Amino acid sequence: MHFTPRYFLCPFHRIRGTEIKTFYEYTSSIVINGIECDKYVDAGIGHIGYHDTYPGYIEIEGAKYKEVIATIPQEDLKMITVGDYKDGLFKINIIPKKFIDKIILRRKYLHPDCIEFSLEKFYTGEEDVFELDPKNPNTEVLEMMKKYRVIEERG
């Protein structure tokens, strides 16, 4: 007698729209001097291309970089080198975290009936917005952001 475990017979289950009560995604952004930025990196953790880490600093990426950097006093900016010798080295400015006005977590709802047939996202237009003031945090919002790993406390 030959035994085949169940997971070999049916390794996947197609999720049907009728099985879903709510379907959403979370996105986060930060606001620095009134400018909302959805592309940022905690320079204290760094990422590929960082030669060191810079606790207490944040890197803004993308189109908002120049706009945000222009609002920060030059003496507060820290210039660092990122990249590698193969793809090139670049100098960028990173910003002290003290300039973060708020951290925003958005829960954007998606149409669950499309999940069976498409990987494309179809938003309902409904969203919940949770804002955290880092200087005066709301405990409930802070815990939610920790739970969803938007922020992390380091020792």
N, C-alpha and C. Protein backbone atom coordinates (compact mmCIF):
# COMPACT_ATOMS: atom_id res chain seq x y z
N MET A 1 0.84 -1.17 0.00
CA MET A 1 0.00 0.00 0.00
C MET A 1 0.89 1.24 0.00
N HIS A 2 0.54 2.21 -0.81
CA HIS A 2 1.29 3.44 -0.94
C HIS A 2 0.47 4.59 -0.35
N PHE A 3 1.10 5.37 0.49
CA PHE A 3 0.42 6.47 1.15
C PHE A 3 0.95 7.79 0.58
N THR A 4 0.07 8.67 0.12
CA THR A 4 0.44 10.00 -0.37
C THR A 4 -0.16 11.02 0.58
N PRO A 5 0.70 11.82 1.21
CA PRO A 5 0.17 12.84 2.14
C PRO A 5 -0.77 13.81 1.43
N ARG A 6 -1.72 14.31 2.16
CA ARG A 6 -2.75 15.19 1.61
C ARG A 6 -2.17 16.43 0.93
N TYR A 7 -1.10 16.99 1.48
CA TYR A 7 -0.58 18.22 0.90
C TYR A 7 0.01 18.00 -0.49
N PHE A 8 0.31 16.79 -0.87
CA PHE A 8 0.75 16.52 -2.23
C PHE A 8 -0.44 16.44 -3.19
N LEU A 9 -1.57 16.05 -2.67
CA LEU A 9 -2.75 15.93 -3.50
C LEU A 9 -3.35 17.30 -3.84
N CYS A 10 -3.35 18.18 -2.87
CA CYS A 10 -3.99 19.48 -3.06
C CYS A 10 -3.18 20.54 -2.31
N PRO A 11 -2.07 20.98 -2.88
CA PRO A 11 -1.22 21.90 -2.14
C PRO A 11 -1.78 23.32 -2.04
N PHE A 12 -2.71 23.67 -2.90
CA PHE A 12 -3.24 25.03 -2.90
C PHE A 12 -4.75 25.02 -2.79
N HIS A 13 -5.24 26.08 -2.23
CA HIS A 13 -6.68 26.29 -2.14
C HIS A 13 -6.98 27.62 -2.80
N ARG A 14 -7.84 27.63 -3.79
CA ARG A 14 -8.21 28.88 -4.44
C ARG A 14 -9.13 29.64 -3.51
N ILE A 15 -8.71 30.85 -3.17
CA ILE A 15 -9.53 31.69 -2.30
C ILE A 15 -10.64 32.29 -3.13
N ARG A 16 -11.84 32.17 -2.63
CA ARG A 16 -12.99 32.69 -3.32
C ARG A 16 -13.49 33.96 -2.63
N GLY A 17 -14.05 34.85 -3.40
CA GLY A 17 -14.56 36.09 -2.85
C GLY A 17 -15.57 35.89 -1.74
N THR A 18 -16.32 34.81 -1.81
CA THR A 18 -17.34 34.53 -0.79
C THR A 18 -16.72 34.13 0.55
N GLU A 19 -15.44 33.76 0.55
CA GLU A 19 -14.76 33.37 1.79
C GLU A 19 -14.14 34.56 2.52
N ILE A 20 -14.18 35.73 1.93
CA ILE A 20 -13.50 36.90 2.48
C ILE A 20 -14.51 37.89 3.03
N LYS A 21 -14.30 38.30 4.27
CA LYS A 21 -15.16 39.32 4.87
C LYS A 21 -14.65 40.71 4.51
N THR A 22 -13.35 40.94 4.70
CA THR A 22 -12.74 42.20 4.31
C THR A 22 -11.40 41.92 3.66
N PHE A 23 -11.05 42.74 2.71
CA PHE A 23 -9.82 42.56 1.95
C PHE A 23 -9.18 43.94 1.82
N TYR A 24 -7.96 44.07 2.31
CA TYR A 24 -7.32 45.38 2.30
C TYR A 24 -5.81 45.23 2.32
N GLU A 25 -5.12 46.34 2.06
CA GLU A 25 -3.67 46.39 2.17
C GLU A 25 -3.31 47.59 3.03
N TYR A 26 -2.17 47.48 3.68
CA TYR A 26 -1.66 48.58 4.48
C TYR A 26 -0.52 49.25 3.73
N THR A 27 -0.48 50.57 3.77
CA THR A 27 0.65 51.33 3.26
C THR A 27 1.03 52.34 4.34
N SER A 28 2.27 52.75 4.33
CA SER A 28 2.70 53.73 5.32
C SER A 28 3.43 54.87 4.62
N SER A 29 3.43 56.00 5.28
CA SER A 29 4.16 57.17 4.80
C SER A 29 4.56 58.00 6.01
N ILE A 30 5.46 58.94 5.77
CA ILE A 30 5.84 59.87 6.83
C ILE A 30 5.64 61.28 6.31
N VAL A 31 5.45 62.22 7.23
CA VAL A 31 5.30 63.62 6.87
C VAL A 31 6.46 64.38 7.50
N ILE A 32 7.22 65.08 6.66
CA ILE A 32 8.34 65.89 7.13
C ILE A 32 8.08 67.32 6.66
N ASN A 33 8.00 68.23 7.63
CA ASN A 33 7.74 69.64 7.33
C ASN A 33 6.55 69.81 6.38
N GLY A 34 5.50 69.05 6.63
CA GLY A 34 4.26 69.16 5.86
C GLY A 34 4.24 68.43 4.54
N ILE A 35 5.32 67.74 4.18
CA ILE A 35 5.40 67.03 2.90
C ILE A 35 5.28 65.54 3.17
N GLU A 36 4.28 64.90 2.57
CA GLU A 36 4.09 63.47 2.77
C GLU A 36 4.99 62.67 1.81
N CYS A 37 5.69 61.71 2.37
CA CYS A 37 6.65 60.89 1.61
C CYS A 37 6.32 59.42 1.81
N ASP A 38 6.10 58.71 0.70
CA ASP A 38 5.80 57.29 0.83
C ASP A 38 7.00 56.40 0.51
N LYS A 39 8.13 57.01 0.13
CA LYS A 39 9.34 56.24 -0.14
C LYS A 39 10.44 56.74 0.80
N TYR A 40 10.75 55.92 1.78
CA TYR A 40 11.73 56.32 2.79
C TYR A 40 12.41 55.07 3.35
N VAL A 41 13.56 55.28 3.94
CA VAL A 41 14.32 54.19 4.55
C VAL A 41 14.84 54.68 5.89
N ASP A 42 14.75 53.84 6.89
CA ASP A 42 15.35 54.15 8.18
C ASP A 42 16.86 53.97 8.02
N ALA A 43 17.61 55.05 8.04
CA ALA A 43 19.06 54.99 7.85
C ALA A 43 19.75 54.31 9.03
N GLY A 44 19.06 54.15 10.14
CA GLY A 44 19.61 53.42 11.29
C GLY A 44 19.67 51.93 11.04
N ILE A 45 18.86 51.46 10.11
CA ILE A 45 18.89 50.05 9.72
C ILE A 45 19.68 49.91 8.42
N GLY A 46 19.49 50.90 7.53
CA GLY A 46 20.18 50.88 6.25
C GLY A 46 19.58 49.87 5.30
N HIS A 47 20.20 49.71 4.15
CA HIS A 47 19.77 48.74 3.16
C HIS A 47 20.92 48.53 2.19
N ILE A 48 20.71 47.77 1.15
CA ILE A 48 21.77 47.50 0.19
C ILE A 48 22.29 48.83 -0.34
N GLY A 49 23.60 48.98 -0.34
CA GLY A 49 24.21 50.22 -0.80
C GLY A 49 24.68 51.10 0.33
N TYR A 50 24.19 50.84 1.56
CA TYR A 50 24.67 51.59 2.70
C TYR A 50 26.02 51.02 3.15
N HIS A 51 26.94 51.91 3.45
CA HIS A 51 28.26 51.48 3.91
C HIS A 51 28.32 51.45 5.43
N ASP A 52 27.34 52.02 6.06
CA ASP A 52 27.25 52.06 7.51
C ASP A 52 25.79 52.32 7.85
N THR A 53 25.45 52.33 9.12
CA THR A 53 24.09 52.70 9.52
C THR A 53 24.15 54.03 10.26
N TYR A 54 23.04 54.74 10.25
CA TYR A 54 23.00 56.08 10.82
C TYR A 54 21.76 56.21 11.71
N PRO A 55 21.86 55.70 12.94
CA PRO A 55 20.70 55.78 13.85
C PRO A 55 20.25 57.24 14.03
N GLY A 56 18.94 57.41 14.10
CA GLY A 56 18.40 58.75 14.29
C GLY A 56 18.17 59.51 13.00
N TYR A 57 18.41 58.84 11.85
CA TYR A 57 18.25 59.50 10.55
C TYR A 57 17.31 58.71 9.65
N ILE A 58 16.75 59.42 8.69
CA ILE A 58 15.85 58.82 7.71
C ILE A 58 16.30 59.28 6.31
N GLU A 59 16.16 58.39 5.34
CA GLU A 59 16.47 58.74 3.96
C GLU A 59 15.16 58.83 3.18
N ILE A 60 14.98 59.92 2.48
CA ILE A 60 13.82 60.08 1.61
C ILE A 60 14.26 59.67 0.22
N GLU A 61 13.46 58.84 -0.44
CA GLU A 61 13.78 58.38 -1.79
C GLU A 61 12.75 58.92 -2.77
N GLY A 62 13.11 58.94 -4.02
CA GLY A 62 12.16 59.28 -5.07
C GLY A 62 11.97 60.77 -5.29
N ALA A 63 10.84 61.11 -5.86
CA ALA A 63 10.55 62.46 -6.34
C ALA A 63 10.50 63.51 -5.22
N LYS A 64 10.18 63.12 -4.01
CA LYS A 64 10.04 64.09 -2.92
C LYS A 64 11.39 64.47 -2.29
N TYR A 65 12.48 63.78 -2.66
CA TYR A 65 13.78 63.99 -2.03
C TYR A 65 14.18 65.47 -2.03
N LYS A 66 14.26 66.10 -3.19
CA LYS A 66 14.72 67.49 -3.28
C LYS A 66 13.78 68.45 -2.56
N GLU A 67 12.49 68.20 -2.67
CA GLU A 67 11.49 69.05 -2.02
C GLU A 67 11.65 69.04 -0.50
N VAL A 68 11.85 67.84 0.06
CA VAL A 68 12.00 67.72 1.51
C VAL A 68 13.34 68.28 1.97
N ILE A 69 14.42 67.93 1.28
CA ILE A 69 15.76 68.40 1.66
C ILE A 69 15.80 69.93 1.71
N ALA A 70 15.09 70.59 0.81
CA ALA A 70 15.08 72.06 0.76
C ALA A 70 14.46 72.68 2.01
N THR A 71 13.66 71.91 2.78
CA THR A 71 12.99 72.45 3.97
C THR A 71 13.81 72.24 5.25
N ILE A 72 14.90 71.51 5.16
CA ILE A 72 15.71 71.17 6.34
C ILE A 72 16.92 72.09 6.40
N PRO A 73 17.22 72.68 7.57
CA PRO A 73 18.43 73.51 7.68
C PRO A 73 19.68 72.68 7.32
N GLN A 74 20.56 73.27 6.52
CA GLN A 74 21.76 72.58 6.04
C GLN A 74 22.58 71.96 7.17
N GLU A 75 22.67 72.64 8.30
CA GLU A 75 23.49 72.12 9.41
C GLU A 75 22.90 70.86 10.04
N ASP A 76 21.62 70.59 9.80
CA ASP A 76 21.00 69.37 10.34
C ASP A 76 21.11 68.17 9.40
N LEU A 77 21.41 68.42 8.13
CA LEU A 77 21.55 67.32 7.17
C LEU A 77 22.87 66.61 7.35
N LYS A 78 22.89 65.34 7.03
CA LYS A 78 24.12 64.55 7.07
C LYS A 78 24.33 63.97 5.68
N MET A 79 25.47 64.27 5.06
CA MET A 79 25.77 63.75 3.73
C MET A 79 26.50 62.42 3.88
N ILE A 80 25.99 61.40 3.17
CA ILE A 80 26.60 60.07 3.20
C ILE A 80 26.81 59.58 1.78
N THR A 81 27.62 58.56 1.65
CA THR A 81 27.85 57.93 0.35
C THR A 81 27.14 56.60 0.33
N VAL A 82 26.38 56.34 -0.71
CA VAL A 82 25.68 55.07 -0.89
C VAL A 82 26.01 54.51 -2.26
N GLY A 83 25.76 53.24 -2.46
CA GLY A 83 26.00 52.58 -3.74
C GLY A 83 27.19 51.64 -3.65
N ASP A 84 27.66 51.24 -4.82
CA ASP A 84 28.83 50.36 -4.88
C ASP A 84 29.68 50.74 -6.08
N TYR A 85 30.86 50.17 -6.15
CA TYR A 85 31.78 50.55 -7.22
C TYR A 85 31.33 50.04 -8.59
N LYS A 86 30.53 48.99 -8.61
CA LYS A 86 30.03 48.46 -9.88
C LYS A 86 28.98 49.37 -10.50
N ASP A 87 27.98 49.75 -9.70
CA ASP A 87 26.87 50.57 -10.20
C ASP A 87 27.07 52.07 -9.97
N GLY A 88 28.04 52.41 -9.16
CA GLY A 88 28.33 53.82 -8.89
C GLY A 88 28.08 54.20 -7.45
N LEU A 89 28.84 55.18 -7.00
CA LEU A 89 28.70 55.73 -5.67
C LEU A 89 27.99 57.08 -5.78
N PHE A 90 27.11 57.36 -4.83
CA PHE A 90 26.34 58.59 -4.85
C PHE A 90 26.36 59.22 -3.48
N LYS A 91 26.35 60.52 -3.45
CA LYS A 91 26.24 61.25 -2.18
C LYS A 91 24.80 61.70 -2.03
N ILE A 92 24.25 61.43 -0.86
CA ILE A 92 22.88 61.85 -0.56
C ILE A 92 22.86 62.47 0.82
N ASN A 93 21.84 63.25 1.07
CA ASN A 93 21.62 63.81 2.41
C ASN A 93 20.57 62.97 3.12
N ILE A 94 20.82 62.70 4.39
CA ILE A 94 19.81 62.05 5.22
C ILE A 94 19.36 63.06 6.28
N ILE A 95 18.18 62.83 6.80
CA ILE A 95 17.48 63.81 7.64
C ILE A 95 17.31 63.25 9.05
N PRO A 96 17.56 64.06 10.07
CA PRO A 96 17.28 63.61 11.44
C PRO A 96 15.80 63.28 11.62
N LYS A 97 15.54 62.22 12.35
CA LYS A 97 14.15 61.81 12.58
C LYS A 97 13.33 62.84 13.35
N LYS A 98 14.01 63.77 14.02
CA LYS A 98 13.29 64.80 14.78
C LYS A 98 12.41 65.66 13.87
N PHE A 99 12.66 65.64 12.56
CA PHE A 99 11.87 66.42 11.62
C PHE A 99 10.60 65.70 11.16
N ILE A 100 10.39 64.46 11.60
CA ILE A 100 9.17 63.74 11.22
C ILE A 100 7.99 64.32 12.00
N ASP A 101 7.04 64.89 11.27
CA ASP A 101 5.84 65.47 11.90
C ASP A 101 4.86 64.38 12.31
N LYS A 102 4.67 63.40 11.41
CA LYS A 102 3.77 62.29 11.72
C LYS A 102 4.07 61.08 10.85
N ILE A 103 3.61 59.96 11.33
CA ILE A 103 3.71 58.69 10.60
C ILE A 103 2.28 58.29 10.29
N ILE A 104 2.03 57.93 9.05
CA ILE A 104 0.66 57.62 8.62
C ILE A 104 0.58 56.16 8.18
N LEU A 105 -0.44 55.47 8.66
CA LEU A 105 -0.75 54.11 8.24
C LEU A 105 -2.12 54.15 7.58
N ARG A 106 -2.18 53.67 6.35
CA ARG A 106 -3.45 53.63 5.61
C ARG A 106 -3.87 52.19 5.37
N ARG A 107 -5.13 51.94 5.64
CA ARG A 107 -5.73 50.65 5.32
C ARG A 107 -6.66 50.89 4.14
N LYS A 108 -6.25 50.43 2.96
CA LYS A 108 -7.01 50.64 1.72
C LYS A 108 -7.77 49.36 1.38
N TYR A 109 -9.07 49.49 1.25
CA TYR A 109 -9.92 48.33 1.00
C TYR A 109 -9.93 47.97 -0.48
N LEU A 110 -9.94 46.67 -0.75
CA LEU A 110 -9.98 46.14 -2.11
C LEU A 110 -11.26 45.36 -2.31
N HIS A 111 -11.68 45.22 -3.56
CA HIS A 111 -12.87 44.42 -3.89
C HIS A 111 -12.51 42.93 -3.73
N PRO A 112 -13.14 42.22 -2.82
CA PRO A 112 -12.81 40.80 -2.62
C PRO A 112 -13.32 39.88 -3.73
N ASP A 113 -14.33 40.31 -4.48
CA ASP A 113 -14.89 39.44 -5.51
C ASP A 113 -13.96 39.27 -6.71
N CYS A 114 -12.91 40.09 -6.81
CA CYS A 114 -11.97 39.99 -7.94
C CYS A 114 -10.81 39.04 -7.64
N ILE A 115 -10.66 38.61 -6.41
CA ILE A 115 -9.49 37.83 -6.02
C ILE A 115 -9.42 36.47 -6.73
N GLU A 116 -10.54 35.90 -7.07
CA GLU A 116 -10.56 34.59 -7.73
C GLU A 116 -9.99 34.63 -9.14
N PHE A 117 -10.14 35.76 -9.81
CA PHE A 117 -9.86 35.80 -11.24
C PHE A 117 -8.70 36.70 -11.64
N SER A 118 -8.19 37.50 -10.72
CA SER A 118 -7.17 38.47 -11.10
C SER A 118 -6.24 38.77 -9.94
N LEU A 119 -4.96 39.02 -10.25
CA LEU A 119 -4.01 39.45 -9.24
C LEU A 119 -3.93 40.98 -9.20
N GLU A 120 -4.64 41.63 -10.11
CA GLU A 120 -4.66 43.08 -10.14
C GLU A 120 -5.49 43.59 -8.96
N LYS A 121 -5.07 44.74 -8.42
CA LYS A 121 -5.76 45.31 -7.27
C LYS A 121 -6.87 46.24 -7.75
N PHE A 122 -8.07 46.03 -7.22
CA PHE A 122 -9.21 46.90 -7.50
C PHE A 122 -9.68 47.48 -6.17
N TYR A 123 -9.39 48.76 -5.97
CA TYR A 123 -9.73 49.43 -4.71
C TYR A 123 -11.18 49.87 -4.69
N THR A 124 -11.76 49.87 -3.50
CA THR A 124 -13.14 50.31 -3.34
C THR A 124 -13.23 51.83 -3.20
N GLY A 125 -12.12 52.46 -2.86
CA GLY A 125 -12.11 53.90 -2.59
C GLY A 125 -12.22 54.19 -1.10
N GLU A 126 -12.57 53.17 -0.35
CA GLU A 126 -12.68 53.33 1.11
C GLU A 126 -11.32 53.09 1.74
N GLU A 127 -10.97 53.92 2.73
CA GLU A 127 -9.72 53.69 3.45
C GLU A 127 -9.83 54.23 4.86
N ASP A 128 -9.08 53.63 5.76
CA ASP A 128 -8.96 54.11 7.13
C ASP A 128 -7.56 54.68 7.26
N VAL A 129 -7.45 55.84 7.90
CA VAL A 129 -6.16 56.51 8.06
C VAL A 129 -5.86 56.64 9.55
N PHE A 130 -4.68 56.18 9.93
CA PHE A 130 -4.23 56.27 11.32
C PHE A 130 -2.96 57.11 11.34
N GLU A 131 -2.96 58.17 12.14
CA GLU A 131 -1.81 59.07 12.20
C GLU A 131 -1.18 59.01 13.58
N LEU A 132 0.15 59.03 13.58
CA LEU A 132 0.89 58.99 14.84
C LEU A 132 1.82 60.19 14.89
N ASP A 133 1.70 60.96 15.96
CA ASP A 133 2.62 62.05 16.22
C ASP A 133 3.77 61.47 17.05
N PRO A 134 5.00 61.38 16.49
CA PRO A 134 6.11 60.76 17.23
C PRO A 134 6.47 61.50 18.52
N LYS A 135 6.15 62.77 18.59
CA LYS A 135 6.49 63.56 19.78
C LYS A 135 5.45 63.40 20.88
N ASN A 136 4.24 63.00 20.50
CA ASN A 136 3.15 62.80 21.46
C ASN A 136 2.29 61.64 20.97
N PRO A 137 2.81 60.39 21.05
CA PRO A 137 2.11 59.26 20.44
C PRO A 137 0.84 58.83 21.17
N ASN A 138 -0.17 58.50 20.37
CA ASN A 138 -1.39 57.88 20.86
C ASN A 138 -1.05 56.40 21.07
N THR A 139 -1.24 55.88 22.26
CA THR A 139 -0.84 54.51 22.60
C THR A 139 -1.48 53.47 21.70
N GLU A 140 -2.75 53.63 21.40
CA GLU A 140 -3.48 52.65 20.58
C GLU A 140 -2.90 52.60 19.15
N VAL A 141 -2.68 53.78 18.56
CA VAL A 141 -2.12 53.84 17.21
C VAL A 141 -0.68 53.35 17.21
N LEU A 142 0.08 53.68 18.24
CA LEU A 142 1.47 53.22 18.36
C LEU A 142 1.53 51.70 18.38
N GLU A 143 0.68 51.06 19.16
CA GLU A 143 0.66 49.60 19.24
C GLU A 143 0.24 48.97 17.91
N MET A 144 -0.71 49.60 17.22
CA MET A 144 -1.13 49.09 15.91
C MET A 144 0.04 49.15 14.93
N MET A 145 0.78 50.25 14.95
CA MET A 145 1.91 50.39 14.03
C MET A 145 3.03 49.41 14.37
N LYS A 146 3.21 49.12 15.63
CA LYS A 146 4.20 48.09 16.02
C LYS A 146 3.74 46.72 15.53
N LYS A 147 2.46 46.43 15.72
CA LYS A 147 1.91 45.15 15.31
C LYS A 147 2.11 44.89 13.82
N TYR A 148 1.90 45.92 13.00
CA TYR A 148 2.03 45.77 11.55
C TYR A 148 3.43 46.13 11.06
N ARG A 149 4.36 46.29 11.97
CA ARG A 149 5.79 46.51 11.70
C ARG A 149 6.05 47.76 10.86
N VAL A 150 5.24 48.77 11.08
CA VAL A 150 5.49 50.07 10.46
C VAL A 150 6.63 50.74 11.21
N ILE A 151 6.61 50.60 12.53
CA ILE A 151 7.68 51.12 13.36
C ILE A 151 8.16 50.02 14.31
N GLU A 152 9.33 50.24 14.82
CA GLU A 152 9.94 49.25 15.71
C GLU A 152 10.77 50.00 16.73
N GLU A 153 10.65 49.61 17.98
CA GLU A 153 11.47 50.22 19.02
C GLU A 153 12.78 49.45 19.13
N ARG A 154 13.85 50.20 19.15
CA ARG A 154 15.19 49.59 19.28
C ARG A 154 15.83 50.11 20.55
N GLY A 155 16.61 49.25 21.16
CA GLY A 155 17.27 49.60 22.43
C GLY A 155 18.50 50.36 22.31
